[in-house]
């Protein structure tokens, strides 16, 4: 291994060490309650080293968000392999997203933060990386819808990317409401959360079905 290759590997390792430390603290204490000093101490690097890789806590949070999105992309890809028509696969994408949010709530919250915060993409390498990963993560959903149009289980007048984006936003909203207000909805309105989820899938399915 040459010197440049070794240095690059060490740089990559330091970056991962910092992200691991930040993830541990952000997920246990929250983004607002964690300082860069604490991340540096947890990672066992100087604060100066920390800032060589990330300009702010937000930058670090974006790197963590990318990790979550990569996990979700992999789950989507696995779901896409099932032998079903495109309409069924599109529903499976939604079910997979719910499964991801249940299994990895902290990653889900970081994704919501990215989608709902006023983060400047220009001149922000970590934000651009995050945006690129969003597109890669959404791509299997686009492919499922396109497959449905091709096999005539989904309306042909729909644009796959637009449908995938609407589905993404719809599911994100439902998951957020359920995670924050699910108990209240069940207690005060007598509506089971699982029934709401099923209804949301049914509504999407009807709107897509040819």
C-alpha atoms as a PDB file:
ATOM      1  CA  UNK A   1       0.000   0.000   0.000  1.00  0.00           C
ATOM      2  CA  UNK A   2       1.407   3.382  -1.024  1.00  0.00           C
ATOM      3  CA  UNK A   3       1.663   6.415   1.246  1.00  0.00           C
ATOM      4  CA  UNK A   4      -1.175   8.295  -0.447  1.00  0.00           C
ATOM      5  CA  UNK A   5      -3.445   5.264  -0.256  1.00  0.00           C
ATOM      6  CA  UNK A   6      -2.640   4.766   3.432  1.00  0.00           C
ATOM      7  CA  UNK A   7      -3.320   8.434   4.175  1.00  0.00           C
ATOM      8  CA  UNK A   8      -6.633   8.263   2.358  1.00  0.00           C
ATOM      9  CA  UNK A   9      -7.634   5.180   4.315  1.00  0.00           C
ATOM     10  CA  UNK A  10      -6.706   6.876   7.594  1.00  0.00           C
ATOM     11  CA  UNK A  11      -8.691   9.952   6.598  1.00  0.00           C
ATOM     12  CA  UNK A  12     -11.704   7.787   5.825  1.00  0.00           C
ATOM     13  CA  UNK A  13     -11.324   6.005   9.184  1.00  0.00           C
ATOM     14  CA  UNK A  14     -11.153   9.298  11.102  1.00  0.00           C
ATOM     15  CA  UNK A  15     -14.266  10.549   9.337  1.00  0.00           C
ATOM     16  CA  UNK A  16     -16.135   7.345  10.235  1.00  0.00           C
ATOM     17  CA  UNK A  17     -14.914   7.542  13.842  1.00  0.00           C
ATOM     18  CA  UNK A  18     -16.313  11.081  14.107  1.00  0.00           C
ATOM     19  CA  UNK A  19     -19.657  10.102  12.565  1.00  0.00           C
ATOM     20  CA  UNK A  20     -19.904   7.072  14.894  1.00  0.00           C
ATOM     21  CA  UNK A  21     -19.281   9.293  17.918  1.00  0.00           C
ATOM     22  CA  UNK A  22     -21.790  11.904  16.768  1.00  0.00           C
ATOM     23  CA  UNK A  23     -24.418   9.265  16.015  1.00  0.00           C
ATOM     24  CA  UNK A  24     -24.047   7.780  19.492  1.00  0.00           C
ATOM     25  CA  UNK A  25     -24.484  11.184  21.145  1.00  0.00           C
ATOM     26  CA  UNK A  26     -27.164  12.618  18.847  1.00  0.00           C
ATOM     27  CA  UNK A  27     -29.300   9.488  19.150  1.00  0.00           C
ATOM     28  CA  UNK A  28     -28.977   9.348  22.952  1.00  0.00           C
ATOM     29  CA  UNK A  29     -29.010  13.057  23.898  1.00  0.00           C
ATOM     30  CA  UNK A  30     -30.498  14.738  20.850  1.00  0.00           C
ATOM     31  CA  UNK A  31     -28.928  17.086  18.320  1.00  0.00           C
ATOM     32  CA  UNK A  32     -29.689  20.245  20.305  1.00  0.00           C
ATOM     33  CA  UNK A  33     -28.238  18.887  23.549  1.00  0.00           C
ATOM     34  CA  UNK A  34     -24.924  17.722  22.091  1.00  0.00           C
ATOM     35  CA  UNK A  35     -21.879  19.950  21.586  1.00  0.00           C
ATOM     36  CA  UNK A  36     -19.009  19.603  19.156  1.00  0.00           C
ATOM     37  CA  UNK A  37     -16.704  19.381  22.199  1.00  0.00           C
ATOM     38  CA  UNK A  38     -18.578  16.297  23.342  1.00  0.00           C
ATOM     39  CA  UNK A  39     -18.371  14.717  19.894  1.00  0.00           C
ATOM     40  CA  UNK A  40     -14.612  15.364  19.771  1.00  0.00           C
ATOM     41  CA  UNK A  41     -14.154  13.811  23.208  1.00  0.00           C
ATOM     42  CA  UNK A  42     -16.278  10.772  22.295  1.00  0.00           C
ATOM     43  CA  UNK A  43     -14.335  10.299  19.046  1.00  0.00           C
ATOM     44  CA  UNK A  44     -11.016  10.860  20.881  1.00  0.00           C
ATOM     45  CA  UNK A  45      -9.888  13.561  18.434  1.00  0.00           C
ATOM     46  CA  UNK A  46      -9.152  17.224  18.956  1.00  0.00           C
ATOM     47  CA  UNK A  47     -11.872  19.735  18.190  1.00  0.00           C
ATOM     48  CA  UNK A  48      -9.621  21.093  15.436  1.00  0.00           C
ATOM     49  CA  UNK A  49      -9.540  17.685  13.768  1.00  0.00           C
ATOM     50  CA  UNK A  50     -13.320  17.512  14.014  1.00  0.00           C
ATOM     51  CA  UNK A  51     -13.719  20.771  12.142  1.00  0.00           C
ATOM     52  CA  UNK A  52     -11.387  19.580   9.383  1.00  0.00           C
ATOM     53  CA  UNK A  53     -14.129  17.112   8.439  1.00  0.00           C
ATOM     54  CA  UNK A  54     -17.358  18.814   9.498  1.00  0.00           C
ATOM     55  CA  UNK A  55     -18.136  22.508   9.809  1.00  0.00           C
ATOM     56  CA  UNK A  56     -21.051  22.093  12.219  1.00  0.00           C
ATOM     57  CA  UNK A  57     -23.333  19.677  14.074  1.00  0.00           C
ATOM     58  CA  UNK A  58     -25.737  20.004  11.167  1.00  0.00           C
ATOM     59  CA  UNK A  59     -23.035  18.784   8.790  1.00  0.00           C
ATOM     60  CA  UNK A  60     -22.509  15.765  10.998  1.00  0.00           C
ATOM     61  CA  UNK A  61     -26.224  15.120  11.182  1.00  0.00           C
ATOM     62  CA  UNK A  62     -26.377  15.109   7.382  1.00  0.00           C
ATOM     63  CA  UNK A  63     -23.654  12.455   7.249  1.00  0.00           C
ATOM     64  CA  UNK A  64     -25.723  10.358   9.660  1.00  0.00           C
ATOM     65  CA  UNK A  65     -28.803  10.947   7.507  1.00  0.00           C
ATOM     66  CA  UNK A  66     -26.955   9.546   4.498  1.00  0.00           C
ATOM     67  CA  UNK A  67     -26.262   6.377   6.487  1.00  0.00           C
ATOM     68  CA  UNK A  68     -29.963   5.965   7.188  1.00  0.00           C
ATOM     69  CA  UNK A  69     -30.929   6.575   3.595  1.00  0.00           C
ATOM     70  CA  UNK A  70     -28.453   3.946   2.395  1.00  0.00           C
ATOM     71  CA  UNK A  71     -30.073   1.401   4.719  1.00  0.00           C
ATOM     72  CA  UNK A  72     -33.512   2.317   3.378  1.00  0.00           C
ATOM     73  CA  UNK A  73     -32.283   2.118  -0.230  1.00  0.00           C
ATOM     74  CA  UNK A  74     -31.013  -1.408   0.436  1.00  0.00           C
ATOM     75  CA  UNK A  75     -34.358  -2.381   1.988  1.00  0.00           C
ATOM     76  CA  UNK A  76     -36.213  -0.941  -1.024  1.00  0.00           C
ATOM     77  CA  UNK A  77     -33.957  -2.892  -3.402  1.00  0.00           C
ATOM     78  CA  UNK A  78     -34.710  -6.116  -1.539  1.00  0.00           C
ATOM     79  CA  UNK A  79     -38.455  -5.399  -1.643  1.00  0.00           C
ATOM     80  CA  UNK A  80     -38.247  -4.759  -5.374  1.00  0.00           C
ATOM     81  CA  UNK A  81     -37.008  -8.319  -5.984  1.00  0.00           C
ATOM     82  CA  UNK A  82     -40.323  -9.902  -4.954  1.00  0.00           C
ATOM     83  CA  UNK A  83     -42.238 -11.415  -7.840  1.00  0.00           C
ATOM     84  CA  UNK A  84     -45.382  -9.250  -7.950  1.00  0.00           C
ATOM     85  CA  UNK A  85     -46.932  -6.782 -10.315  1.00  0.00           C
ATOM     86  CA  UNK A  86     -45.899  -3.141 -10.141  1.00  0.00           C
ATOM     87  CA  UNK A  87     -48.927  -2.036  -8.116  1.00  0.00           C
ATOM     88  CA  UNK A  88     -48.220  -4.616  -5.416  1.00  0.00           C
ATOM     89  CA  UNK A  89     -44.534  -3.686  -5.427  1.00  0.00           C
ATOM     90  CA  UNK A  90     -45.446  -0.022  -4.993  1.00  0.00           C
ATOM     91  CA  UNK A  91     -47.456  -0.919  -1.892  1.00  0.00           C
ATOM     92  CA  UNK A  92     -44.564  -3.046  -0.673  1.00  0.00           C
ATOM     93  CA  UNK A  93     -42.329   0.029  -0.973  1.00  0.00           C
ATOM     94  CA  UNK A  94     -44.654   1.844   1.416  1.00  0.00           C
ATOM     95  CA  UNK A  95     -44.718  -1.086   3.833  1.00  0.00           C
ATOM     96  CA  UNK A  96     -40.930  -1.223   3.702  1.00  0.00           C
ATOM     97  CA  UNK A  97     -40.721   2.480   4.548  1.00  0.00           C
ATOM     98  CA  UNK A  98     -42.945   1.920   7.598  1.00  0.00           C
ATOM     99  CA  UNK A  99     -40.782  -1.039   8.604  1.00  0.00           C
ATOM    100  CA  UNK A 100     -37.654   1.114   8.282  1.00  0.00           C
ATOM    101  CA  UNK A 101     -39.161   3.903  10.414  1.00  0.00           C
ATOM    102  CA  UNK A 102     -40.140   1.405  13.100  1.00  0.00           C
ATOM    103  CA  UNK A 103     -36.763  -0.333  13.090  1.00  0.00           C
ATOM    104  CA  UNK A 104     -34.602   2.790  12.752  1.00  0.00           C
ATOM    105  CA  UNK A 105     -36.584   5.698  14.290  1.00  0.00           C
ATOM    106  CA  UNK A 106     -33.494   7.856  14.824  1.00  0.00           C
ATOM    107  CA  UNK A 107     -32.460   7.571  11.183  1.00  0.00           C
ATOM    108  CA  UNK A 108     -36.049   8.295  10.154  1.00  0.00           C
ATOM    109  CA  UNK A 109     -36.061  11.436  12.306  1.00  0.00           C
ATOM    110  CA  UNK A 110     -32.788  12.591  10.749  1.00  0.00           C
ATOM    111  CA  UNK A 111     -34.347  12.161   7.295  1.00  0.00           C
ATOM    112  CA  UNK A 112     -37.372  14.221   8.318  1.00  0.00           C
ATOM    113  CA  UNK A 113     -35.005  16.873   9.645  1.00  0.00           C
ATOM    114  CA  UNK A 114     -33.255  17.041   6.270  1.00  0.00           C
ATOM    115  CA  UNK A 115     -36.520  17.175   4.336  1.00  0.00           C
ATOM    116  CA  UNK A 116     -38.142  19.842   6.521  1.00  0.00           C
ATOM    117  CA  UNK A 117     -35.233  22.112   7.462  1.00  0.00           C
ATOM    118  CA  UNK A 118     -34.055  25.105   5.488  1.00  0.00           C
ATOM    119  CA  UNK A 119     -30.698  23.579   4.617  1.00  0.00           C
ATOM    120  CA  UNK A 120     -28.723  25.319   1.890  1.00  0.00           C
ATOM    121  CA  UNK A 121     -27.615  22.775  -0.703  1.00  0.00           C
ATOM    122  CA  UNK A 122     -25.271  25.049  -2.659  1.00  0.00           C
ATOM    123  CA  UNK A 123     -21.673  25.124  -1.471  1.00  0.00           C
ATOM    124  CA  UNK A 124     -22.400  22.437   1.131  1.00  0.00           C
ATOM    125  CA  UNK A 125     -20.763  19.158   0.189  1.00  0.00           C
ATOM    126  CA  UNK A 126     -22.525  17.142   2.903  1.00  0.00           C
ATOM    127  CA  UNK A 127     -25.932  18.569   1.950  1.00  0.00           C
ATOM    128  CA  UNK A 128     -25.283  17.790  -1.717  1.00  0.00           C
ATOM    129  CA  UNK A 129     -24.276  14.231  -0.818  1.00  0.00           C
ATOM    130  CA  UNK A 130     -27.479  13.933   1.194  1.00  0.00           C
ATOM    131  CA  UNK A 131     -29.566  15.218  -1.695  1.00  0.00           C
ATOM    132  CA  UNK A 132     -27.902  12.772  -4.103  1.00  0.00           C
ATOM    133  CA  UNK A 133     -28.610   9.901  -1.707  1.00  0.00           C
ATOM    134  CA  UNK A 134     -32.268  10.962  -1.480  1.00  0.00           C
ATOM    135  CA  UNK A 135     -32.530  10.491  -5.239  1.00  0.00           C
ATOM    136  CA  UNK A 136     -30.822   7.080  -5.102  1.00  0.00           C
ATOM    137  CA  UNK A 137     -33.070   5.965  -2.237  1.00  0.00           C
ATOM    138  CA  UNK A 138     -36.212   7.030  -4.082  1.00  0.00           C
ATOM    139  CA  UNK A 139     -35.154   5.339  -7.335  1.00  0.00           C
ATOM    140  CA  UNK A 140     -36.446   1.803  -6.457  1.00  0.00           C
ATOM    141  CA  UNK A 141     -39.873   3.337  -5.758  1.00  0.00           C
ATOM    142  CA  UNK A 142     -39.774   5.026  -9.161  1.00  0.00           C
ATOM    143  CA  UNK A 143     -38.877   1.669 -10.721  1.00  0.00           C
ATOM    144  CA  UNK A 144     -41.764  -0.091  -8.963  1.00  0.00           C
ATOM    145  CA  UNK A 145     -44.251   2.460 -10.324  1.00  0.00           C
ATOM    146  CA  UNK A 146     -42.744   2.267 -13.810  1.00  0.00           C
ATOM    147  CA  UNK A 147     -43.047  -1.529 -13.660  1.00  0.00           C
ATOM    148  CA  UNK A 148     -46.712  -1.119 -12.774  1.00  0.00           C
ATOM    149  CA  UNK A 149     -47.280   1.127 -15.772  1.00  0.00           C
ATOM    150  CA  UNK A 150     -45.498  -1.388 -17.996  1.00  0.00           C
ATOM    151  CA  UNK A 151     -47.506  -4.373 -16.716  1.00  0.00           C
ATOM    152  CA  UNK A 152     -50.726  -2.264 -16.797  1.00  0.00           C
ATOM    153  CA  UNK A 153     -51.465  -2.597 -13.093  1.00  0.00           C
ATOM    154  CA  UNK A 154     -50.911   1.185 -12.698  1.00  0.00           C
ATOM    155  CA  UNK A 155     -52.430   4.022 -14.745  1.00  0.00           C
ATOM    156  CA  UNK A 156     -50.312   4.955 -17.728  1.00  0.00           C
ATOM    157  CA  UNK A 157     -51.036   8.681 -17.433  1.00  0.00           C
ATOM    158  CA  UNK A 158     -48.947   8.978 -14.267  1.00  0.00           C
ATOM    159  CA  UNK A 159     -45.341  10.113 -14.037  1.00  0.00           C
ATOM    160  CA  UNK A 160     -43.331   7.542 -11.987  1.00  0.00           C
ATOM    161  CA  UNK A 161     -41.069  10.120 -10.352  1.00  0.00           C
ATOM    162  CA  UNK A 162     -43.976  12.328  -9.334  1.00  0.00           C
ATOM    163  CA  UNK A 163     -45.886   9.345  -7.962  1.00  0.00           C
ATOM    164  CA  UNK A 164     -42.850   8.136  -6.017  1.00  0.00           C
ATOM    165  CA  UNK A 165     -42.365  11.614  -4.553  1.00  0.00           C
ATOM    166  CA  UNK A 166     -46.018  11.869  -3.505  1.00  0.00           C
ATOM    167  CA  UNK A 167     -45.899   8.387  -1.972  1.00  0.00           C
ATOM    168  CA  UNK A 168     -42.713   9.307  -0.101  1.00  0.00           C
ATOM    169  CA  UNK A 169     -44.268  12.497   1.276  1.00  0.00           C
ATOM    170  CA  UNK A 170     -47.548  10.763   2.121  1.00  0.00           C
ATOM    171  CA  UNK A 171     -45.888   7.939   4.047  1.00  0.00           C
ATOM    172  CA  UNK A 172     -43.508  10.334   5.821  1.00  0.00           C
ATOM    173  CA  UNK A 173     -46.507  12.340   7.012  1.00  0.00           C
ATOM    174  CA  UNK A 174     -48.460   9.310   8.202  1.00  0.00           C
ATOM    175  CA  UNK A 175     -45.437   7.856  10.005  1.00  0.00           C
ATOM    176  CA  UNK A 176     -44.715  11.184  11.690  1.00  0.00           C
ATOM    177  CA  UNK A 177     -48.306  11.661  12.866  1.00  0.00           C
ATOM    178  CA  UNK A 178     -48.553   8.110  14.147  1.00  0.00           C
ATOM    179  CA  UNK A 179     -45.222   8.251  15.972  1.00  0.00           C
ATOM    180  CA  UNK A 180     -46.111  11.526  17.684  1.00  0.00           C
ATOM    181  CA  UNK A 181     -49.880  11.279  18.081  1.00  0.00           C
ATOM    182  CA  UNK A 182     -50.690   7.591  17.661  1.00  0.00           C
ATOM    183  CA  UNK A 183     -51.614   6.980  21.300  1.00  0.00           C
ATOM    184  CA  UNK A 184     -53.738  10.132  21.403  1.00  0.00           C
ATOM    185  CA  UNK A 185     -55.583   9.135  18.217  1.00  0.00           C
ATOM    186  CA  UNK A 186     -56.335   5.678  19.608  1.00  0.00           C
ATOM    187  CA  UNK A 187     -57.418   6.930  23.051  1.00  0.00           C
ATOM    188  CA  UNK A 188     -59.367  10.028  22.062  1.00  0.00           C
ATOM    189  CA  UNK A 189     -60.845   8.953  18.731  1.00  0.00           C
ATOM    190  CA  UNK A 190     -60.977   5.188  19.104  1.00  0.00           C
ATOM    191  CA  UNK A 191     -59.126   4.704  15.838  1.00  0.00           C
ATOM    192  CA  UNK A 192     -56.512   1.983  15.642  1.00  0.00           C
ATOM    193  CA  UNK A 193     -53.202   3.074  14.171  1.00  0.00           C
ATOM    194  CA  UNK A 194     -52.958  -0.066  12.043  1.00  0.00           C
ATOM    195  CA  UNK A 195     -56.351   0.750  10.520  1.00  0.00           C
ATOM    196  CA  UNK A 196     -55.093   4.217   9.565  1.00  0.00           C
ATOM    197  CA  UNK A 197     -52.022   2.725   7.915  1.00  0.00           C
ATOM    198  CA  UNK A 198     -54.127   0.222   5.988  1.00  0.00           C
ATOM    199  CA  UNK A 199     -56.503   2.989   4.886  1.00  0.00           C
ATOM    200  CA  UNK A 200     -53.599   5.097   3.637  1.00  0.00           C
ATOM    201  CA  UNK A 201     -52.302   2.190   1.540  1.00  0.00           C
ATOM    202  CA  UNK A 202     -55.790   1.513   0.215  1.00  0.00           C
ATOM    203  CA  UNK A 203     -56.252   5.151  -0.814  1.00  0.00           C
ATOM    204  CA  UNK A 204     -52.900   5.232  -2.606  1.00  0.00           C
ATOM    205  CA  UNK A 205     -53.637   1.916  -4.290  1.00  0.00           C
ATOM    206  CA  UNK A 206     -57.003   3.126  -5.596  1.00  0.00           C
ATOM    207  CA  UNK A 207     -55.474   6.294  -6.989  1.00  0.00           C
ATOM    208  CA  UNK A 208     -52.797   4.346  -8.851  1.00  0.00           C
ATOM    209  CA  UNK A 209     -54.789   1.328 -10.059  1.00  0.00           C
ATOM    210  CA  UNK A 210     -55.629   1.229 -13.727  1.00  0.00           C
END
